[in-house]
């Protein structure tokens, strides 16, 4: 993942955080690698991201 998306932050439990538009927005996804499925858990501004727990959302 990091090889293709250098700005991605890998979290535990298959979650990944992407910085979008020069770190103005954040995208949190949960990836099920076994079934090749991505679940969008959150998308919002950096300020909104600071108010959530990316591991539980």
PDB file of N, CA and C in Angstrom:
ATOM      1  N   UNK A   1       0.829  -1.183   0.000  1.00  0.00           N
ATOM      2  CA  UNK A   1       0.000   0.000   0.000  1.00  0.00           C
ATOM      3  C   UNK A   1       0.877   1.251   0.000  1.00  0.00           C
ATOM      4  N   UNK A   2       1.874   1.260   0.880  1.00  0.00           N
ATOM      5  CA  UNK A   2       2.745   2.440   0.968  1.00  0.00           C
ATOM      6  C   UNK A   2       3.534   2.670  -0.313  1.00  0.00           C
ATOM      7  N   UNK A   3       3.827   1.616  -1.067  1.00  0.00           N
ATOM      8  CA  UNK A   3       4.578   1.775  -2.307  1.00  0.00           C
ATOM      9  C   UNK A   3       3.768   2.557  -3.348  1.00  0.00           C
ATOM     10  N   UNK A   4       2.458   2.364  -3.353  1.00  0.00           N
ATOM     11  CA  UNK A   4       1.605   3.054  -4.321  1.00  0.00           C
ATOM     12  C   UNK A   4       1.068   4.380  -3.790  1.00  0.00           C
ATOM     13  N   UNK A   5       0.831   4.452  -2.490  1.00  0.00           N
ATOM     14  CA  UNK A   5       0.263   5.648  -1.867  1.00  0.00           C
ATOM     15  C   UNK A   5       1.146   6.050  -0.693  1.00  0.00           C
ATOM     16  N   UNK A   6       2.160   6.799  -0.990  1.00  0.00           N
ATOM     17  CA  UNK A   6       3.140   7.172   0.017  1.00  0.00           C
ATOM     18  C   UNK A   6       2.577   8.007   1.148  1.00  0.00           C
ATOM     19  N   UNK A   7       1.457   8.703   0.906  1.00  0.00           N
ATOM     20  CA  UNK A   7       0.868   9.542   1.945  1.00  0.00           C
ATOM     21  C   UNK A   7      -0.098   8.772   2.838  1.00  0.00           C
ATOM     22  N   UNK A   8      -0.264   7.494   2.613  1.00  0.00           N
ATOM     23  CA  UNK A   8      -1.188   6.686   3.411  1.00  0.00           C
ATOM     24  C   UNK A   8      -0.558   6.312   4.749  1.00  0.00           C
ATOM     25  N   UNK A   9      -1.401   6.321   5.775  1.00  0.00           N
ATOM     26  CA  UNK A   9      -0.974   5.868   7.100  1.00  0.00           C
ATOM     27  C   UNK A   9      -1.673   4.545   7.376  1.00  0.00           C
ATOM     28  N   UNK A  10      -0.899   3.509   7.612  1.00  0.00           N
ATOM     29  CA  UNK A  10      -1.439   2.178   7.852  1.00  0.00           C
ATOM     30  C   UNK A  10      -1.736   2.037   9.340  1.00  0.00           C
ATOM     31  N   UNK A  11      -2.973   1.726   9.661  1.00  0.00           N
ATOM     32  CA  UNK A  11      -3.382   1.487  11.033  1.00  0.00           C
ATOM     33  C   UNK A  11      -3.605  -0.005  11.224  1.00  0.00           C
ATOM     34  N   UNK A  12      -3.884  -0.421  12.441  1.00  0.00           N
ATOM     35  CA  UNK A  12      -4.149  -1.837  12.671  1.00  0.00           C
ATOM     36  C   UNK A  12      -5.565  -2.187  12.236  1.00  0.00           C
ATOM     37  N   UNK A  13      -5.849  -3.462  12.121  1.00  0.00           N
ATOM     38  CA  UNK A  13      -7.164  -3.991  11.770  1.00  0.00           C
ATOM     39  C   UNK A  13      -7.599  -3.619  10.347  1.00  0.00           C
ATOM     40  N   UNK A  14      -6.640  -3.479   9.427  1.00  0.00           N
ATOM     41  CA  UNK A  14      -6.968  -3.232   8.027  1.00  0.00           C
ATOM     42  C   UNK A  14      -7.398  -1.820   7.700  1.00  0.00           C
ATOM     43  N   UNK A  15      -7.180  -0.885   8.603  1.00  0.00           N
ATOM     44  CA  UNK A  15      -7.575   0.506   8.357  1.00  0.00           C
ATOM     45  C   UNK A  15      -6.407   1.294   7.779  1.00  0.00           C
ATOM     46  N   UNK A  16      -6.766   2.218   6.878  1.00  0.00           N
ATOM     47  CA  UNK A  16      -5.770   3.070   6.237  1.00  0.00           C
ATOM     48  C   UNK A  16      -6.316   4.489   6.201  1.00  0.00           C
ATOM     49  N   UNK A  17      -5.457   5.469   6.482  1.00  0.00           N
ATOM     50  CA  UNK A  17      -5.826   6.878   6.418  1.00  0.00           C
ATOM     51  C   UNK A  17      -5.058   7.508   5.265  1.00  0.00           C
ATOM     52  N   UNK A  18      -5.801   8.176   4.364  1.00  0.00           N
ATOM     53  CA  UNK A  18      -5.203   8.860   3.224  1.00  0.00           C
ATOM     54  C   UNK A  18      -5.315  10.361   3.430  1.00  0.00           C
ATOM     55  N   UNK A  19      -4.231  11.087   3.128  1.00  0.00           N
ATOM     56  CA  UNK A  19      -4.250  12.542   3.109  1.00  0.00           C
ATOM     57  C   UNK A  19      -4.598  12.978   1.692  1.00  0.00           C
ATOM     58  N   UNK A  20      -5.575  13.868   1.568  1.00  0.00           N
ATOM     59  CA  UNK A  20      -6.062  14.295   0.260  1.00  0.00           C
ATOM     60  C   UNK A  20      -5.929  15.815   0.154  1.00  0.00           C
ATOM     61  N   UNK A  21      -5.615  16.303  -1.011  1.00  0.00           N
ATOM     62  CA  UNK A  21      -5.494  17.752  -1.284  1.00  0.00           C
ATOM     63  C   UNK A  21      -4.495  18.420  -0.350  1.00  0.00           C
ATOM     64  N   UNK A  22      -3.296  17.891  -0.323  1.00  0.00           N
ATOM     65  CA  UNK A  22      -2.248  18.499   0.491  1.00  0.00           C
ATOM     66  C   UNK A  22      -2.558  18.488   1.970  1.00  0.00           C
ATOM     67  N   UNK A  23      -3.146  17.401   2.451  1.00  0.00           N
ATOM     68  CA  UNK A  23      -3.462  17.190   3.863  1.00  0.00           C
ATOM     69  C   UNK A  23      -4.653  18.028   4.331  1.00  0.00           C
ATOM     70  N   UNK A  24      -5.439  18.566   3.401  1.00  0.00           N
ATOM     71  CA  UNK A  24      -6.629  19.343   3.773  1.00  0.00           C
ATOM     72  C   UNK A  24      -7.786  18.429   4.165  1.00  0.00           C
ATOM     73  N   UNK A  25      -7.856  17.267   3.539  1.00  0.00           N
ATOM     74  CA  UNK A  25      -8.922  16.309   3.815  1.00  0.00           C
ATOM     75  C   UNK A  25      -8.317  14.969   4.207  1.00  0.00           C
ATOM     76  N   UNK A  26      -9.118  14.166   4.916  1.00  0.00           N
ATOM     77  CA  UNK A  26      -8.687  12.830   5.308  1.00  0.00           C
ATOM     78  C   UNK A  26      -9.749  11.819   4.886  1.00  0.00           C
ATOM     79  N   UNK A  27      -9.289  10.659   4.445  1.00  0.00           N
ATOM     80  CA  UNK A  27     -10.147   9.547   4.074  1.00  0.00           C
ATOM     81  C   UNK A  27      -9.708   8.343   4.893  1.00  0.00           C
ATOM     82  N   UNK A  28     -10.641   7.765   5.656  1.00  0.00           N
ATOM     83  CA  UNK A  28     -10.351   6.576   6.447  1.00  0.00           C
ATOM     84  C   UNK A  28     -11.120   5.423   5.832  1.00  0.00           C
ATOM     85  N   UNK A  29     -10.413   4.356   5.502  1.00  0.00           N
ATOM     86  CA  UNK A  29     -11.051   3.180   4.922  1.00  0.00           C
ATOM     87  C   UNK A  29     -10.666   1.949   5.729  1.00  0.00           C
ATOM     88  N   UNK A  30     -11.514   0.948   5.637  1.00  0.00           N
ATOM     89  CA  UNK A  30     -11.197  -0.368   6.201  1.00  0.00           C
ATOM     90  C   UNK A  30     -11.138  -1.325   5.032  1.00  0.00           C
ATOM     91  N   UNK A  31     -10.044  -2.047   4.898  1.00  0.00           N
ATOM     92  CA  UNK A  31      -9.822  -2.924   3.756  1.00  0.00           C
ATOM     93  C   UNK A  31      -9.951  -4.374   4.193  1.00  0.00           C
ATOM     94  N   UNK A  32     -10.786  -5.101   3.482  1.00  0.00           N
ATOM     95  CA  UNK A  32     -10.902  -6.545   3.676  1.00  0.00           C
ATOM     96  C   UNK A  32     -10.118  -7.172   2.537  1.00  0.00           C
ATOM     97  N   UNK A  33      -8.882  -7.519   2.802  1.00  0.00           N
ATOM     98  CA  UNK A  33      -7.981  -8.019   1.767  1.00  0.00           C
ATOM     99  C   UNK A  33      -8.425  -9.377   1.228  1.00  0.00           C
ATOM    100  N   UNK A  34      -9.062 -10.168   2.057  1.00  0.00           N
ATOM    101  CA  UNK A  34      -9.511 -11.492   1.640  1.00  0.00           C
ATOM    102  C   UNK A  34     -10.574 -11.421   0.540  1.00  0.00           C
ATOM    103  N   UNK A  35     -11.484 -10.445   0.652  1.00  0.00           N
ATOM    104  CA  UNK A  35     -12.568 -10.322  -0.320  1.00  0.00           C
ATOM    105  C   UNK A  35     -12.395  -9.146  -1.268  1.00  0.00           C
ATOM    106  N   UNK A  36     -11.229  -8.487  -1.227  1.00  0.00           N
ATOM    107  CA  UNK A  36     -10.935  -7.351  -2.114  1.00  0.00           C
ATOM    108  C   UNK A  36     -12.017  -6.283  -2.007  1.00  0.00           C
ATOM    109  N   UNK A  37     -12.354  -5.918  -0.771  1.00  0.00           N
ATOM    110  CA  UNK A  37     -13.417  -4.957  -0.514  1.00  0.00           C
ATOM    111  C   UNK A  37     -12.881  -3.811   0.331  1.00  0.00           C
ATOM    112  N   UNK A  38     -13.296  -2.587  -0.015  1.00  0.00           N
ATOM    113  CA  UNK A  38     -12.914  -1.403   0.744  1.00  0.00           C
ATOM    114  C   UNK A  38     -14.179  -0.743   1.275  1.00  0.00           C
ATOM    115  N   UNK A  39     -14.187  -0.468   2.572  1.00  0.00           N
ATOM    116  CA  UNK A  39     -15.308   0.206   3.222  1.00  0.00           C
ATOM    117  C   UNK A  39     -14.860   1.607   3.615  1.00  0.00           C
ATOM    118  N   UNK A  40     -15.550   2.622   3.133  1.00  0.00           N
ATOM    119  CA  UNK A  40     -15.242   3.996   3.522  1.00  0.00           C
ATOM    120  C   UNK A  40     -15.832   4.219   4.907  1.00  0.00           C
ATOM    121  N   UNK A  41     -14.983   4.560   5.851  1.00  0.00           N
ATOM    122  CA  UNK A  41     -15.419   4.768   7.231  1.00  0.00           C
ATOM    123  C   UNK A  41     -15.581   6.242   7.550  1.00  0.00           C
ATOM    124  N   UNK A  42     -14.804   7.121   6.885  1.00  0.00           N
ATOM    125  CA  UNK A  42     -14.878   8.556   7.161  1.00  0.00           C
ATOM    126  C   UNK A  42     -14.238   9.318   6.011  1.00  0.00           C
ATOM    127  N   UNK A  43     -14.824  10.457   5.678  1.00  0.00           N
ATOM    128  CA  UNK A  43     -14.180  11.430   4.786  1.00  0.00           C
ATOM    129  C   UNK A  43     -14.580  12.811   5.287  1.00  0.00           C
ATOM    130  N   UNK A  44     -13.582  13.662   5.461  1.00  0.00           N
ATOM    131  CA  UNK A  44     -13.855  14.996   5.975  1.00  0.00           C
ATOM    132  C   UNK A  44     -12.585  15.817   6.033  1.00  0.00           C
ATOM    133  N   UNK A  45     -12.723  17.004   6.597  1.00  0.00           N
ATOM    134  CA  UNK A  45     -11.580  17.904   6.707  1.00  0.00           C
ATOM    135  C   UNK A  45     -10.617  17.400   7.778  1.00  0.00           C
ATOM    136  N   UNK A  46      -9.448  17.964   7.763  1.00  0.00           N
ATOM    137  CA  UNK A  46      -8.443  17.591   8.754  1.00  0.00           C
ATOM    138  C   UNK A  46      -8.955  17.921  10.154  1.00  0.00           C
ATOM    139  N   UNK A  47      -9.630  19.045  10.315  1.00  0.00           N
ATOM    140  CA  UNK A  47     -10.171  19.437  11.626  1.00  0.00           C
ATOM    141  C   UNK A  47     -11.233  18.445  12.099  1.00  0.00           C
ATOM    142  N   UNK A  48     -12.079  17.987  11.197  1.00  0.00           N
ATOM    143  CA  UNK A  48     -13.096  16.998  11.553  1.00  0.00           C
ATOM    144  C   UNK A  48     -12.446  15.664  11.923  1.00  0.00           C
ATOM    145  N   UNK A  49     -11.398  15.316  11.221  1.00  0.00           N
ATOM    146  CA  UNK A  49     -10.668  14.074  11.496  1.00  0.00           C
ATOM    147  C   UNK A  49     -10.076  14.088  12.899  1.00  0.00           C
ATOM    148  N   UNK A  50      -9.611  15.237  13.337  1.00  0.00           N
ATOM    149  CA  UNK A  50      -9.018  15.343  14.671  1.00  0.00           C
ATOM    150  C   UNK A  50     -10.032  15.062  15.778  1.00  0.00           C
ATOM    151  N   UNK A  51     -11.322  15.134  15.473  1.00  0.00           N
ATOM    152  CA  UNK A  51     -12.366  14.930  16.479  1.00  0.00           C
ATOM    153  C   UNK A  51     -12.855  13.482  16.550  1.00  0.00           C
ATOM    154  N   UNK A  52     -12.355  12.600  15.700  1.00  0.00           N
ATOM    155  CA  UNK A  52     -12.820  11.205  15.671  1.00  0.00           C
ATOM    156  C   UNK A  52     -11.705  10.267  16.117  1.00  0.00           C
ATOM    157  N   UNK A  53     -12.086   9.039  16.389  1.00  0.00           N
ATOM    158  CA  UNK A  53     -11.119   7.972  16.656  1.00  0.00           C
ATOM    159  C   UNK A  53     -11.108   7.081  15.429  1.00  0.00           C
ATOM    160  N   UNK A  54     -10.077   7.156  14.631  1.00  0.00           N
ATOM    161  CA  UNK A  54     -10.035   6.432  13.357  1.00  0.00           C
ATOM    162  C   UNK A  54     -10.028   4.912  13.529  1.00  0.00           C
ATOM    163  N   UNK A  55      -9.718   4.419  14.717  1.00  0.00           N
ATOM    164  CA  UNK A  55      -9.721   2.978  14.967  1.00  0.00           C
ATOM    165  C   UNK A  55     -11.113   2.429  15.237  1.00  0.00           C
ATOM    166  N   UNK A  56     -12.046   3.288  15.652  1.00  0.00           N
ATOM    167  CA  UNK A  56     -13.363   2.793  16.023  1.00  0.00           C
ATOM    168  C   UNK A  56     -14.483   3.292  15.102  1.00  0.00           C
ATOM    169  N   UNK A  57     -14.231   4.278  14.309  1.00  0.00           N
ATOM    170  CA  UNK A  57     -15.284   4.824  13.438  1.00  0.00           C
ATOM    171  C   UNK A  57     -15.639   3.859  12.329  1.00  0.00           C
TER     172      UNK A  57
END
